[in-house]
N, C-alpha and C. Protein backbone atom coordinates (compact mmCIF):
# COMPACT_ATOMS: atom_id res chain seq x y z
N MET A 1 -23.02 -25.90 -131.23
CA MET A 1 -22.72 -24.35 -131.56
C MET A 1 -24.01 -24.01 -132.08
N ALA A 2 -24.86 -22.87 -131.58
CA ALA A 2 -26.06 -22.40 -131.84
C ALA A 2 -26.26 -21.72 -132.99
N MET A 3 -27.13 -21.93 -133.72
CA MET A 3 -27.60 -21.26 -135.11
C MET A 3 -28.20 -20.10 -135.05
N GLN A 4 -27.47 -19.36 -136.10
CA GLN A 4 -28.12 -18.02 -136.20
C GLN A 4 -29.41 -17.84 -136.88
N ALA A 5 -30.02 -16.67 -136.87
CA ALA A 5 -31.19 -16.65 -137.41
C ALA A 5 -31.50 -16.29 -138.92
N ASP A 6 -30.17 -15.71 -139.34
CA ASP A 6 -30.19 -15.62 -140.63
C ASP A 6 -29.80 -16.94 -141.47
N GLU A 7 -29.27 -18.13 -140.60
CA GLU A 7 -28.89 -19.56 -141.35
C GLU A 7 -30.35 -20.28 -141.37
N ILE A 8 -30.99 -20.09 -140.47
CA ILE A 8 -32.42 -20.81 -140.26
C ILE A 8 -33.26 -20.05 -141.57
N GLU A 9 -33.21 -18.93 -141.61
CA GLU A 9 -33.88 -18.08 -142.71
C GLU A 9 -33.29 -18.80 -144.03
N ARG A 10 -32.43 -18.82 -144.28
CA ARG A 10 -31.63 -19.23 -145.67
C ARG A 10 -31.92 -20.54 -145.90
N LEU A 11 -31.90 -21.49 -144.88
CA LEU A 11 -32.22 -23.02 -144.99
C LEU A 11 -33.61 -23.15 -145.26
N ILE A 12 -34.50 -22.45 -144.90
CA ILE A 12 -35.99 -22.53 -145.36
C ILE A 12 -36.26 -22.15 -146.72
N ARG A 13 -35.35 -20.73 -146.95
CA ARG A 13 -35.79 -20.15 -148.07
C ARG A 13 -35.19 -21.09 -148.94
N ASP A 14 -34.06 -21.65 -148.97
CA ASP A 14 -33.41 -22.81 -149.81
C ASP A 14 -34.36 -23.99 -150.47
N ALA A 15 -34.94 -24.28 -149.54
CA ALA A 15 -35.95 -25.51 -149.92
C ALA A 15 -37.43 -24.78 -150.15
N ILE A 16 -37.79 -23.78 -149.78
CA ILE A 16 -39.11 -23.34 -150.02
C ILE A 16 -38.94 -22.02 -150.47
N PRO A 17 -38.46 -21.90 -151.91
CA PRO A 17 -38.04 -20.47 -152.46
C PRO A 17 -39.27 -19.60 -152.51
N ASP A 18 -40.40 -19.85 -152.50
CA ASP A 18 -41.44 -18.60 -152.57
C ASP A 18 -42.08 -18.39 -151.10
N ALA A 19 -41.29 -18.90 -150.27
CA ALA A 19 -41.44 -18.69 -148.72
C ALA A 19 -41.46 -17.18 -148.44
N ASP A 20 -42.05 -16.53 -147.64
CA ASP A 20 -42.03 -15.20 -146.72
C ASP A 20 -41.74 -15.84 -145.11
N VAL A 21 -40.33 -15.52 -144.81
CA VAL A 21 -39.77 -16.17 -143.64
C VAL A 21 -39.55 -15.07 -142.71
N THR A 22 -40.09 -15.36 -141.61
CA THR A 22 -39.54 -14.12 -140.55
C THR A 22 -39.25 -15.08 -139.17
N ILE A 23 -37.91 -14.92 -138.78
CA ILE A 23 -37.45 -15.35 -137.64
C ILE A 23 -37.29 -14.58 -136.42
N ARG A 24 -37.77 -14.70 -135.27
CA ARG A 24 -37.35 -14.22 -134.14
C ARG A 24 -36.56 -14.82 -132.96
N ASP A 25 -35.44 -14.34 -132.47
CA ASP A 25 -34.83 -14.78 -131.43
C ASP A 25 -35.80 -14.51 -129.94
N LEU A 26 -36.10 -15.72 -129.58
CA LEU A 26 -37.21 -15.74 -128.33
C LEU A 26 -36.40 -15.44 -127.04
N ALA A 27 -34.99 -15.79 -126.85
CA ALA A 27 -34.52 -15.84 -125.55
C ALA A 27 -33.53 -14.76 -125.71
N GLY A 28 -32.92 -14.40 -126.86
CA GLY A 28 -31.66 -13.67 -126.73
C GLY A 28 -30.40 -14.68 -126.92
N ASP A 29 -30.92 -15.86 -126.91
CA ASP A 29 -29.55 -16.60 -126.69
C ASP A 29 -29.36 -17.49 -127.60
N GLY A 30 -29.62 -17.28 -128.87
CA GLY A 30 -29.49 -17.83 -130.08
C GLY A 30 -29.75 -19.46 -130.06
N ASP A 31 -30.69 -19.66 -129.17
CA ASP A 31 -31.07 -21.24 -129.31
C ASP A 31 -32.42 -21.37 -129.17
N HIS A 32 -33.18 -20.47 -129.07
CA HIS A 32 -34.85 -20.62 -129.02
C HIS A 32 -35.68 -19.39 -129.67
N TYR A 33 -35.80 -20.11 -131.04
CA TYR A 33 -36.49 -18.89 -132.11
C TYR A 33 -37.91 -19.25 -132.21
N ALA A 34 -38.58 -18.37 -133.19
CA ALA A 34 -39.79 -18.29 -133.67
C ALA A 34 -39.53 -18.38 -135.14
N ALA A 35 -40.45 -18.93 -135.77
CA ALA A 35 -40.57 -18.50 -137.17
C ALA A 35 -41.66 -19.00 -138.02
N HIS A 36 -42.05 -18.16 -138.80
CA HIS A 36 -43.18 -17.55 -139.22
C HIS A 36 -43.06 -17.80 -140.75
N VAL A 37 -43.57 -18.82 -141.33
CA VAL A 37 -43.40 -19.39 -142.88
C VAL A 37 -44.78 -19.06 -143.66
N VAL A 38 -44.86 -18.42 -144.83
CA VAL A 38 -46.22 -18.27 -145.52
C VAL A 38 -45.49 -18.43 -146.71
N SER A 39 -46.07 -19.48 -147.34
CA SER A 39 -45.77 -20.11 -148.75
C SER A 39 -47.07 -20.54 -149.43
N PRO A 40 -47.13 -20.14 -150.66
CA PRO A 40 -48.31 -20.37 -151.79
C PRO A 40 -48.04 -22.23 -151.82
N SER A 41 -46.61 -22.72 -151.55
CA SER A 41 -46.60 -24.12 -151.76
C SER A 41 -47.25 -25.04 -150.60
N PHE A 42 -47.65 -24.27 -149.74
CA PHE A 42 -48.41 -24.92 -148.58
C PHE A 42 -50.05 -25.13 -148.88
N ALA A 43 -50.37 -24.65 -149.96
CA ALA A 43 -51.85 -24.76 -150.36
C ALA A 43 -52.26 -26.00 -150.53
N GLY A 44 -53.48 -26.45 -149.75
CA GLY A 44 -53.68 -28.00 -149.61
C GLY A 44 -53.10 -28.83 -148.94
N MET A 45 -51.96 -28.57 -148.35
CA MET A 45 -51.38 -29.39 -147.38
C MET A 45 -51.91 -29.10 -145.96
N THR A 46 -52.00 -30.24 -145.31
CA THR A 46 -52.38 -30.18 -143.56
C THR A 46 -51.64 -29.19 -143.11
N ARG A 47 -51.86 -28.74 -141.89
CA ARG A 47 -50.42 -27.99 -140.91
C ARG A 47 -49.40 -28.91 -140.74
N VAL A 48 -49.67 -30.04 -140.53
CA VAL A 48 -48.57 -31.00 -139.93
C VAL A 48 -47.59 -31.30 -141.27
N LYS A 49 -48.35 -31.17 -142.40
CA LYS A 49 -47.30 -31.67 -143.61
C LYS A 49 -46.50 -29.98 -143.88
N GLN A 50 -47.29 -28.92 -143.63
CA GLN A 50 -46.49 -27.72 -143.82
C GLN A 50 -45.24 -27.65 -142.70
N HIS A 51 -45.71 -28.13 -141.45
CA HIS A 51 -44.50 -28.20 -140.45
C HIS A 51 -43.66 -28.82 -140.70
N LYS A 52 -43.69 -30.29 -141.43
CA LYS A 52 -42.87 -31.34 -141.85
C LYS A 52 -41.68 -30.67 -143.25
N ALA A 53 -42.43 -30.04 -143.91
CA ALA A 53 -41.92 -29.31 -144.85
C ALA A 53 -40.94 -28.20 -144.31
N VAL A 54 -40.89 -27.61 -143.48
CA VAL A 54 -40.00 -26.72 -142.89
C VAL A 54 -39.11 -27.39 -141.94
N TYR A 55 -39.37 -28.38 -141.16
CA TYR A 55 -38.28 -29.04 -140.45
C TYR A 55 -37.58 -30.14 -141.23
N ASP A 56 -37.99 -30.48 -142.54
CA ASP A 56 -37.18 -30.99 -143.75
C ASP A 56 -36.04 -30.08 -144.37
N ALA A 57 -36.63 -29.07 -144.11
CA ALA A 57 -36.10 -27.73 -144.71
C ALA A 57 -34.67 -27.50 -143.93
N LEU A 58 -34.91 -27.61 -142.51
CA LEU A 58 -33.59 -27.72 -141.53
C LEU A 58 -32.59 -28.74 -141.28
N GLY A 59 -33.16 -29.69 -142.30
CA GLY A 59 -32.11 -30.83 -142.51
C GLY A 59 -31.52 -31.75 -141.06
N GLY A 60 -32.57 -32.06 -140.25
CA GLY A 60 -32.18 -32.50 -138.98
C GLY A 60 -31.25 -31.85 -138.08
N ARG A 61 -31.64 -30.31 -138.09
CA ARG A 61 -30.67 -29.58 -137.15
C ARG A 61 -31.43 -29.36 -135.90
N MET A 62 -32.99 -29.62 -136.04
CA MET A 62 -33.80 -29.52 -134.87
C MET A 62 -33.09 -30.66 -133.54
N GLY A 63 -32.95 -29.90 -132.33
CA GLY A 63 -32.47 -30.94 -131.15
C GLY A 63 -31.28 -31.03 -131.18
N GLY A 64 -30.22 -30.31 -132.24
CA GLY A 64 -29.06 -30.15 -132.13
C GLY A 64 -28.56 -29.24 -131.85
N GLU A 65 -27.87 -28.27 -133.19
CA GLU A 65 -27.68 -27.04 -133.02
C GLU A 65 -28.85 -25.62 -132.77
N LEU A 66 -29.98 -26.22 -133.23
CA LEU A 66 -31.10 -25.63 -133.33
C LEU A 66 -31.78 -26.26 -131.90
N HIS A 67 -31.83 -25.69 -131.04
CA HIS A 67 -32.86 -26.31 -129.68
C HIS A 67 -34.22 -26.25 -129.90
N ALA A 68 -34.74 -25.13 -130.15
CA ALA A 68 -36.09 -24.87 -130.08
C ALA A 68 -36.91 -24.06 -131.07
N LEU A 69 -37.51 -24.56 -131.81
CA LEU A 69 -38.12 -23.65 -132.63
C LEU A 69 -39.93 -23.53 -132.75
N GLN A 70 -40.34 -22.51 -132.40
CA GLN A 70 -41.74 -22.00 -132.32
C GLN A 70 -42.48 -21.95 -133.75
N LEU A 71 -42.88 -22.74 -134.48
CA LEU A 71 -43.43 -22.53 -135.97
C LEU A 71 -44.61 -22.30 -135.91
N THR A 72 -45.06 -21.36 -137.17
CA THR A 72 -46.28 -21.17 -137.32
C THR A 72 -45.86 -21.24 -139.15
N THR A 73 -47.20 -21.84 -139.61
CA THR A 73 -46.97 -21.70 -141.06
C THR A 73 -48.74 -21.18 -141.65
N ALA A 74 -48.31 -20.82 -142.99
CA ALA A 74 -49.51 -20.41 -143.59
C ALA A 74 -49.36 -20.15 -144.99
N VAL A 75 -50.57 -20.39 -145.58
CA VAL A 75 -51.04 -20.00 -146.93
C VAL A 75 -51.24 -18.41 -147.15
N PRO A 76 -50.82 -17.70 -147.98
CA PRO A 76 -50.98 -16.28 -148.16
C PRO A 76 -52.25 -16.16 -148.47
N ASN A 77 -53.16 -14.96 -148.15
CA ASN A 77 -54.35 -14.92 -148.13
C ASN A 77 -54.59 -14.24 -149.75
């Protein structure tokens, strides 16, 4: 079963409460999403660690109910 955009957003916000999260359905199939996550908690973290924090928030759903996620992360300006 595919994940819904609001569930992806909720999981990320639960794990990273100060995050500004934008989710887009890339293919209209509920299976391929883009996520843009901006969080002050990413300050001082490498991009790899930022991405790991988001993937950890998804609790192992990548490759299962969430097939593809195009992820971008940033620290607020």
